[in-house]
Amino acid sequence: MNGNGNDRPDLTELESEILRLCGLSALLGPGLLRRALADAGANSPPTAKDLLNALPKLESRMLAYLPADEVRDRSARMRRLLAAAE
């Protein structure tokens, strides 16, 4: 475990929380998030604003694995988290 409260040293606490909220497996989630961030031109490490800007890209990837209503619900929770973190 690293000092920021997650066991993946390459992720920030905010990224880890987004991954938890997105509901994808530990094998799929991090790669999908990294690609969504890259597609959105995010900084490294990403800010809350970067994550918010990448959310539409992440949502479209989530739709390949989760039902649309679940993606909508999870996205709303992610948006609330990110709005509070800005």
N, C-alpha and C. Protein backbone atom coordinates (compact mmCIF):
# COMPACT_ATOMS: atom_id res chain seq x y z
N MET A 1 0.85 -1.18 0.00
CA MET A 1 0.00 0.00 0.00
C MET A 1 0.88 1.23 0.00
N ASN A 2 0.47 2.25 -0.74
CA ASN A 2 1.27 3.47 -0.76
C ASN A 2 0.69 4.49 0.21
N GLY A 3 1.29 5.65 0.28
CA GLY A 3 0.89 6.66 1.24
C GLY A 3 -0.40 7.38 0.93
N ASN A 4 -0.99 7.20 -0.26
CA ASN A 4 -2.21 7.95 -0.56
C ASN A 4 -3.47 7.13 -0.36
N GLY A 5 -3.39 6.02 0.37
CA GLY A 5 -4.58 5.30 0.74
C GLY A 5 -5.10 4.30 -0.28
N ASN A 6 -4.37 4.06 -1.34
CA ASN A 6 -4.78 3.00 -2.26
C ASN A 6 -3.61 2.06 -2.49
N ASP A 7 -3.89 0.89 -3.03
CA ASP A 7 -2.81 -0.08 -3.19
C ASP A 7 -2.25 -0.10 -4.61
N ARG A 8 -2.61 0.90 -5.42
CA ARG A 8 -2.06 1.03 -6.76
C ARG A 8 -1.25 2.31 -6.81
N PRO A 9 0.06 2.22 -6.75
CA PRO A 9 0.89 3.42 -6.64
C PRO A 9 0.78 4.35 -7.84
N ASP A 10 0.26 3.87 -8.96
CA ASP A 10 0.17 4.72 -10.14
C ASP A 10 -1.13 5.50 -10.20
N LEU A 11 -2.01 5.36 -9.20
CA LEU A 11 -3.29 6.05 -9.19
C LEU A 11 -3.39 7.00 -8.01
N THR A 12 -4.03 8.15 -8.23
CA THR A 12 -4.31 9.07 -7.13
C THR A 12 -5.52 8.56 -6.36
N GLU A 13 -5.76 9.12 -5.20
CA GLU A 13 -6.94 8.74 -4.42
C GLU A 13 -8.21 9.01 -5.20
N LEU A 14 -8.26 10.14 -5.91
CA LEU A 14 -9.45 10.49 -6.69
C LEU A 14 -9.66 9.49 -7.83
N GLU A 15 -8.60 9.11 -8.50
CA GLU A 15 -8.72 8.10 -9.55
C GLU A 15 -9.21 6.77 -8.97
N SER A 16 -8.68 6.38 -7.82
CA SER A 16 -9.11 5.13 -7.19
C SER A 16 -10.58 5.18 -6.84
N GLU A 17 -11.05 6.32 -6.37
CA GLU A 17 -12.46 6.46 -6.02
C GLU A 17 -13.33 6.41 -7.27
N ILE A 18 -12.89 7.02 -8.36
CA ILE A 18 -13.62 6.95 -9.63
C ILE A 18 -13.70 5.50 -10.09
N LEU A 19 -12.61 4.77 -9.98
CA LEU A 19 -12.62 3.36 -10.37
C LEU A 19 -13.58 2.55 -9.51
N ARG A 20 -13.62 2.84 -8.23
CA ARG A 20 -14.56 2.14 -7.35
C ARG A 20 -16.00 2.43 -7.77
N LEU A 21 -16.28 3.70 -8.07
CA LEU A 21 -17.63 4.09 -8.45
C LEU A 21 -18.04 3.57 -9.83
N CYS A 22 -17.08 3.40 -10.72
CA CYS A 22 -17.43 2.97 -12.09
C CYS A 22 -17.88 1.51 -12.12
N GLY A 23 -17.49 0.71 -11.13
CA GLY A 23 -18.01 -0.64 -11.03
C GLY A 23 -17.38 -1.67 -11.95
N LEU A 24 -16.29 -1.33 -12.58
CA LEU A 24 -15.61 -2.29 -13.46
C LEU A 24 -14.54 -3.04 -12.67
N SER A 25 -14.17 -4.19 -13.17
CA SER A 25 -13.19 -5.01 -12.46
C SER A 25 -11.84 -4.31 -12.37
N ALA A 26 -11.03 -4.79 -11.44
CA ALA A 26 -9.69 -4.25 -11.26
C ALA A 26 -8.81 -4.50 -12.48
N LEU A 27 -9.19 -5.46 -13.32
CA LEU A 27 -8.43 -5.71 -14.55
C LEU A 27 -8.83 -4.75 -15.66
N LEU A 28 -10.11 -4.42 -15.75
CA LEU A 28 -10.59 -3.54 -16.83
C LEU A 28 -10.52 -2.06 -16.48
N GLY A 29 -10.96 -1.72 -15.30
CA GLY A 29 -11.15 -0.32 -14.92
C GLY A 29 -9.95 0.60 -15.12
N PRO A 30 -8.79 0.25 -14.58
CA PRO A 30 -7.65 1.17 -14.71
C PRO A 30 -7.26 1.47 -16.16
N GLY A 31 -7.26 0.47 -17.01
CA GLY A 31 -6.92 0.69 -18.42
C GLY A 31 -7.94 1.56 -19.12
N LEU A 32 -9.22 1.31 -18.84
CA LEU A 32 -10.27 2.14 -19.45
C LEU A 32 -10.16 3.59 -18.99
N LEU A 33 -9.87 3.78 -17.70
CA LEU A 33 -9.73 5.13 -17.18
C LEU A 33 -8.52 5.82 -17.79
N ARG A 34 -7.39 5.12 -17.88
CA ARG A 34 -6.18 5.72 -18.47
C ARG A 34 -6.42 6.14 -19.92
N ARG A 35 -7.11 5.28 -20.68
CA ARG A 35 -7.39 5.62 -22.08
C ARG A 35 -8.36 6.80 -22.19
N ALA A 36 -9.35 6.84 -21.33
CA ALA A 36 -10.29 7.95 -21.33
C ALA A 36 -9.57 9.26 -21.00
N LEU A 37 -8.69 9.21 -20.02
CA LEU A 37 -7.91 10.40 -19.66
C LEU A 37 -7.00 10.84 -20.80
N ALA A 38 -6.34 9.89 -21.44
CA ALA A 38 -5.46 10.21 -22.56
C ALA A 38 -6.26 10.83 -23.72
N ASP A 39 -7.41 10.24 -24.02
CA ASP A 39 -8.25 10.77 -25.10
C ASP A 39 -8.73 12.18 -24.81
N ALA A 40 -8.91 12.50 -23.53
CA ALA A 40 -9.38 13.83 -23.14
C ALA A 40 -8.22 14.82 -22.96
N GLY A 41 -6.98 14.36 -23.16
CA GLY A 41 -5.83 15.24 -23.04
C GLY A 41 -5.52 15.65 -21.61
N ALA A 42 -5.77 14.77 -20.66
CA ALA A 42 -5.60 15.08 -19.24
C ALA A 42 -4.14 15.18 -18.85
N ASN A 43 -3.91 15.93 -17.77
CA ASN A 43 -2.59 16.02 -17.16
C ASN A 43 -2.30 14.74 -16.39
N SER A 44 -1.04 14.58 -16.01
CA SER A 44 -0.67 13.45 -15.16
C SER A 44 0.10 13.99 -13.96
N PRO A 45 -0.35 13.79 -12.76
CA PRO A 45 -1.60 13.13 -12.40
C PRO A 45 -2.78 14.02 -12.74
N PRO A 46 -3.93 13.40 -13.03
CA PRO A 46 -5.09 14.18 -13.43
C PRO A 46 -5.73 14.92 -12.25
N THR A 47 -6.24 16.10 -12.56
CA THR A 47 -6.98 16.88 -11.57
C THR A 47 -8.45 16.44 -11.61
N ALA A 48 -9.23 16.94 -10.67
CA ALA A 48 -10.67 16.67 -10.68
C ALA A 48 -11.28 17.16 -11.99
N LYS A 49 -10.83 18.31 -12.47
CA LYS A 49 -11.33 18.86 -13.74
C LYS A 49 -10.97 17.95 -14.91
N ASP A 50 -9.76 17.42 -14.91
CA ASP A 50 -9.35 16.46 -15.95
C ASP A 50 -10.25 15.23 -15.94
N LEU A 51 -10.51 14.71 -14.75
CA LEU A 51 -11.36 13.53 -14.63
C LEU A 51 -12.78 13.83 -15.08
N LEU A 52 -13.28 15.02 -14.74
CA LEU A 52 -14.62 15.42 -15.17
C LEU A 52 -14.68 15.53 -16.69
N ASN A 53 -13.64 16.11 -17.29
CA ASN A 53 -13.59 16.23 -18.75
C ASN A 53 -13.49 14.87 -19.44
N ALA A 54 -12.87 13.91 -18.78
CA ALA A 54 -12.71 12.57 -19.35
C ALA A 54 -13.92 11.68 -19.12
N LEU A 55 -14.83 12.12 -18.27
CA LEU A 55 -15.97 11.27 -17.91
C LEU A 55 -16.80 10.81 -19.10
N PRO A 56 -17.11 11.67 -20.08
CA PRO A 56 -17.86 11.16 -21.24
C PRO A 56 -17.14 10.03 -21.98
N LYS A 57 -15.83 10.11 -22.07
CA LYS A 57 -15.04 9.05 -22.71
C LYS A 57 -15.11 7.76 -21.88
N LEU A 58 -15.03 7.91 -20.55
CA LEU A 58 -15.12 6.75 -19.68
C LEU A 58 -16.52 6.14 -19.76
N GLU A 59 -17.55 6.98 -19.76
CA GLU A 59 -18.92 6.49 -19.84
C GLU A 59 -19.13 5.65 -21.10
N SER A 60 -18.62 6.12 -22.22
CA SER A 60 -18.80 5.37 -23.47
C SER A 60 -18.10 4.01 -23.39
N ARG A 61 -16.98 3.95 -22.70
CA ARG A 61 -16.29 2.66 -22.53
C ARG A 61 -17.04 1.76 -21.56
N MET A 62 -17.61 2.35 -20.51
CA MET A 62 -18.37 1.57 -19.53
C MET A 62 -19.58 0.90 -20.18
N LEU A 63 -20.16 1.56 -21.19
CA LEU A 63 -21.34 1.01 -21.85
C LEU A 63 -21.08 -0.33 -22.53
N ALA A 64 -19.84 -0.62 -22.81
CA ALA A 64 -19.49 -1.91 -23.40
C ALA A 64 -19.62 -3.05 -22.38
N TYR A 65 -19.65 -2.70 -21.09
CA TYR A 65 -19.64 -3.72 -20.04
C TYR A 65 -20.83 -3.66 -19.09
N LEU A 66 -21.51 -2.51 -19.05
CA LEU A 66 -22.60 -2.32 -18.09
C LEU A 66 -23.84 -1.81 -18.80
N PRO A 67 -25.03 -2.08 -18.26
CA PRO A 67 -26.27 -1.55 -18.84
C PRO A 67 -26.30 -0.02 -18.76
N ALA A 68 -26.97 0.61 -19.71
CA ALA A 68 -26.99 2.07 -19.81
C ALA A 68 -27.53 2.73 -18.54
N ASP A 69 -28.56 2.17 -17.92
CA ASP A 69 -29.10 2.80 -16.71
C ASP A 69 -28.10 2.74 -15.56
N GLU A 70 -27.33 1.67 -15.50
CA GLU A 70 -26.29 1.57 -14.46
C GLU A 70 -25.17 2.56 -14.73
N VAL A 71 -24.78 2.71 -15.99
CA VAL A 71 -23.74 3.70 -16.34
C VAL A 71 -24.22 5.10 -15.96
N ARG A 72 -25.48 5.40 -16.25
CA ARG A 72 -26.04 6.71 -15.91
C ARG A 72 -25.97 6.97 -14.41
N ASP A 73 -26.38 5.98 -13.62
CA ASP A 73 -26.36 6.12 -12.16
C ASP A 73 -24.94 6.28 -11.63
N ARG A 74 -24.05 5.45 -12.12
CA ARG A 74 -22.65 5.52 -11.66
C ARG A 74 -21.99 6.84 -12.09
N SER A 75 -22.31 7.29 -13.28
CA SER A 75 -21.76 8.56 -13.77
C SER A 75 -22.23 9.73 -12.92
N ALA A 76 -23.48 9.70 -12.51
CA ALA A 76 -24.00 10.77 -11.65
C ALA A 76 -23.23 10.81 -10.33
N ARG A 77 -22.94 9.64 -9.77
CA ARG A 77 -22.16 9.61 -8.52
C ARG A 77 -20.74 10.12 -8.74
N MET A 78 -20.14 9.76 -9.88
CA MET A 78 -18.79 10.23 -10.19
C MET A 78 -18.79 11.75 -10.35
N ARG A 79 -19.80 12.29 -11.04
CA ARG A 79 -19.88 13.74 -11.23
C ARG A 79 -20.01 14.47 -9.90
N ARG A 80 -20.82 13.93 -9.00
CA ARG A 80 -20.96 14.56 -7.67
C ARG A 80 -19.62 14.56 -6.91
N LEU A 81 -18.93 13.43 -6.96
CA LEU A 81 -17.63 13.33 -6.31
C LEU A 81 -16.66 14.37 -6.88
N LEU A 82 -16.60 14.44 -8.20
CA LEU A 82 -15.65 15.34 -8.85
C LEU A 82 -16.02 16.80 -8.63
N ALA A 83 -17.31 17.11 -8.62
CA ALA A 83 -17.73 18.50 -8.35
C ALA A 83 -17.32 18.92 -6.95
N ALA A 84 -17.43 18.01 -6.00
CA ALA A 84 -17.04 18.31 -4.62
C ALA A 84 -15.52 18.45 -4.48
N ALA A 85 -14.77 17.78 -5.36
CA ALA A 85 -13.30 17.80 -5.27
C ALA A 85 -12.67 19.00 -5.96
N GLU A 86 -13.45 19.71 -6.79
CA GLU A 86 -12.87 20.85 -7.54
C GLU A 86 -12.62 22.03 -6.64
